Amino acid sequence: MTNNDILRRLRYTFNLADTTMIEIFAAADHDVTQQQVIGWLTREGEEGYVDPSDTEFAIFLNGFINTKRGKRDGEQPAPESKLNNNIILMKLRIALNMKTEDVIDVLALTDFSLSKHELSAFSRKADNKHYRVCNDQILRNFLTGLQLQLRPEVSGE
């Protein structure tokens, strides 16, 4: 999945207006314009399409955490220059204050089952022998499950 795909899904799931998206970036101490946001939300192949860089998307995710949970004291975390699905899933879990059971329940909404051990493997460091790569299918099912949970009235379309 591209950063653009994930950003569009998050915008839809959480019903985020352009101004709210700008505020989320600002919550991570980063200024963006409405034109940048529109470019990032444009579908691939359409005029004006721009896929946000990993750093830009990490800034959004950090801002999403700050917006949902409040800024932590002290220095803010630096945005990652390289993102993967494991980091994205972890940042979304943090922003939404989700425990392991919550993530498993969200995945179950899409008829996708995952054990606690499999889920914990996504949170490990890459050099750990129990580390597992979070593939696109799992992240896609997680985002779809969030949508089913948070916007059930429109998810059936």
Protein backbone atom coordinates (compact mmCIF):
# COMPACT_ATOMS: atom_id res chain seq x y z
CA MET A 1 0.00 0.00 0.00
CA THR A 2 1.22 3.48 -0.75
CA ASN A 3 1.30 6.33 1.74
CA ASN A 4 -1.34 7.99 -0.42
CA ASP A 5 -3.69 4.97 -0.10
CA ILE A 6 -3.32 4.85 3.68
CA LEU A 7 -3.74 8.62 4.07
CA ARG A 8 -6.94 8.57 2.00
CA ARG A 9 -8.33 5.65 4.02
CA LEU A 10 -7.55 7.41 7.30
CA ARG A 11 -9.14 10.63 6.07
CA TYR A 12 -12.30 8.75 5.13
CA THR A 13 -12.45 6.58 8.27
CA PHE A 14 -12.01 9.51 10.65
CA ASN A 15 -13.95 11.96 8.44
CA LEU A 16 -11.08 14.45 8.37
CA ALA A 17 -11.55 17.75 6.53
CA ASP A 18 -8.62 19.44 4.76
CA THR A 19 -8.32 21.92 7.63
CA THR A 20 -8.23 19.07 10.15
CA MET A 21 -5.47 17.38 8.13
CA ILE A 22 -3.48 20.64 8.25
CA GLU A 23 -4.05 20.82 12.02
CA ILE A 24 -2.78 17.24 12.42
CA PHE A 25 0.47 18.17 10.65
CA ALA A 26 0.67 21.30 12.84
CA ALA A 27 0.31 19.09 15.93
CA ALA A 28 3.66 17.59 14.89
CA ASP A 29 5.15 21.08 14.48
CA HIS A 30 5.03 20.95 10.68
CA ASP A 31 3.27 23.41 8.40
CA VAL A 32 1.60 22.21 5.20
CA THR A 33 -0.66 23.96 2.75
CA GLN A 34 -4.11 22.93 1.67
CA GLN A 35 -2.69 22.43 -1.84
CA GLN A 36 -0.19 19.88 -0.49
CA VAL A 37 -2.95 18.01 1.35
CA ILE A 38 -5.12 17.97 -1.78
CA GLY A 39 -2.20 16.56 -3.81
CA TRP A 40 -1.58 13.84 -1.24
CA LEU A 41 -5.26 12.86 -1.25
CA THR A 42 -5.61 12.75 -5.02
CA ARG A 43 -5.89 9.25 -6.44
CA GLU A 44 -2.98 7.83 -8.42
CA GLY A 45 -3.29 8.64 -12.10
CA GLU A 46 -5.38 11.74 -11.55
CA GLU A 47 -4.07 15.24 -12.21
CA GLY A 48 -2.27 16.70 -9.20
CA TYR A 49 -1.48 13.31 -7.63
CA VAL A 50 1.43 13.38 -5.17
CA ASP A 51 2.44 10.44 -2.98
CA PRO A 52 3.64 11.81 0.37
CA SER A 53 7.20 10.85 1.22
CA ASP A 54 7.79 8.51 4.14
CA THR A 55 8.98 11.48 6.21
CA GLU A 56 5.86 13.52 5.39
CA PHE A 57 3.61 10.58 6.22
CA ALA A 58 5.53 9.92 9.47
CA ILE A 59 4.95 13.58 10.41
CA PHE A 60 1.23 13.08 9.79
CA LEU A 61 1.19 9.94 11.95
CA ASN A 62 3.11 11.71 14.74
CA GLY A 63 0.62 14.58 14.53
CA PHE A 64 -2.25 12.07 14.60
CA ILE A 65 -0.82 10.62 17.82
CA ASN A 66 -0.49 14.12 19.29
CA THR A 67 -4.03 15.00 18.22
CA LYS A 68 -5.61 11.84 19.59
CA ARG A 69 -3.56 11.40 22.77
CA GLY A 70 -2.01 14.80 23.41
CA LYS A 71 1.57 15.91 23.00
CA ARG A 72 4.07 14.31 25.28
CA ASP A 73 6.33 16.50 27.36
CA GLY A 74 9.80 17.33 26.14
CA GLU A 75 11.27 16.91 22.73
CA GLN A 76 8.95 15.48 20.09
CA PRO A 77 10.00 12.31 18.27
CA ALA A 78 11.76 12.85 14.98
CA PRO A 79 9.81 11.55 11.99
CA GLU A 80 11.17 8.40 10.41
CA SER A 81 12.79 8.80 7.01
CA LYS A 82 11.76 5.27 6.02
CA LEU A 83 8.39 3.78 6.95
CA ASN A 84 7.12 0.22 6.72
CA ASN A 85 3.76 -1.35 7.58
CA ASN A 86 5.02 -2.39 11.03
CA ILE A 87 5.79 1.23 11.96
CA ILE A 88 2.51 2.48 10.49
CA LEU A 89 0.48 -0.13 12.39
CA MET A 90 2.35 0.68 15.60
CA LYS A 91 1.76 4.44 15.25
CA LEU A 92 -1.95 3.89 14.56
CA ARG A 93 -2.23 1.62 17.61
CA ILE A 94 -0.58 4.30 19.74
CA ALA A 95 -2.77 7.10 18.35
CA LEU A 96 -5.94 5.10 18.95
CA ASN A 97 -4.76 3.78 22.32
CA MET A 98 -5.43 0.21 21.19
CA LYS A 99 -4.48 -2.83 23.18
CA THR A 100 -3.66 -6.14 21.52
CA GLU A 101 -7.23 -7.38 21.98
CA ASP A 102 -8.58 -4.20 20.36
CA VAL A 103 -6.48 -4.76 17.23
CA ILE A 104 -7.51 -8.42 17.06
CA ASP A 105 -11.18 -7.38 17.40
CA VAL A 106 -10.82 -4.81 14.59
CA LEU A 107 -9.22 -7.43 12.33
CA ALA A 108 -12.02 -9.87 13.20
CA LEU A 109 -14.53 -7.41 11.71
CA THR A 110 -12.99 -8.26 8.33
CA ASP A 111 -13.01 -12.01 9.08
CA PHE A 112 -9.24 -11.94 9.47
CA SER A 113 -7.85 -13.75 12.48
CA LEU A 114 -4.50 -13.10 14.09
CA SER A 115 -3.15 -14.41 17.38
CA LYS A 116 -1.67 -12.25 20.12
CA HIS A 117 1.74 -13.78 19.40
CA GLU A 118 1.52 -12.98 15.69
CA LEU A 119 0.48 -9.42 16.46
CA SER A 120 3.27 -8.92 19.00
CA ALA A 121 5.79 -10.07 16.37
CA PHE A 122 5.00 -6.91 14.37
CA SER A 123 6.15 -4.74 17.30
CA ARG A 124 9.55 -6.34 17.71
CA LYS A 125 12.82 -4.98 16.39
CA ALA A 126 13.78 -6.23 12.95
CA ASP A 127 16.80 -8.14 14.28
CA ASN A 128 14.68 -10.10 16.81
CA LYS A 129 14.23 -13.75 15.85
CA HIS A 130 10.46 -13.45 16.44
CA TYR A 131 10.07 -10.32 14.26
CA ARG A 132 7.51 -10.63 11.50
CA VAL A 133 6.85 -8.28 8.59
CA CYS A 134 3.36 -6.75 8.56
CA ASN A 135 2.28 -7.26 4.96
CA ASP A 136 -0.14 -5.09 2.99
CA GLN A 137 -3.02 -7.54 3.50
CA ILE A 138 -2.86 -7.20 7.28
CA LEU A 139 -2.60 -3.40 7.20
CA ARG A 140 -5.44 -3.21 4.64
CA ASN A 141 -7.65 -5.44 6.81
CA PHE A 142 -6.83 -3.33 9.88
CA LEU A 143 -7.79 -0.11 8.08
CA THR A 144 -10.96 -1.73 6.71
CA GLY A 145 -11.84 -2.99 10.20
CA LEU A 146 -11.39 0.51 11.61
CA GLN A 147 -13.71 1.81 8.94
CA LEU A 148 -16.31 -0.88 9.75
CA GLN A 149 -16.02 -0.04 13.44
CA LEU A 150 -16.07 3.75 13.18
CA ARG A 151 -18.30 4.30 10.14
CA PRO A 152 -20.62 1.28 10.02
CA GLU A 153 -23.42 3.29 8.41
CA VAL A 154 -21.41 3.93 5.24
CA SER A 155 -19.07 0.93 5.17
CA GLY A 156 -21.49 -1.28 3.30
CA GLU A 157 -21.31 0.86 0.13
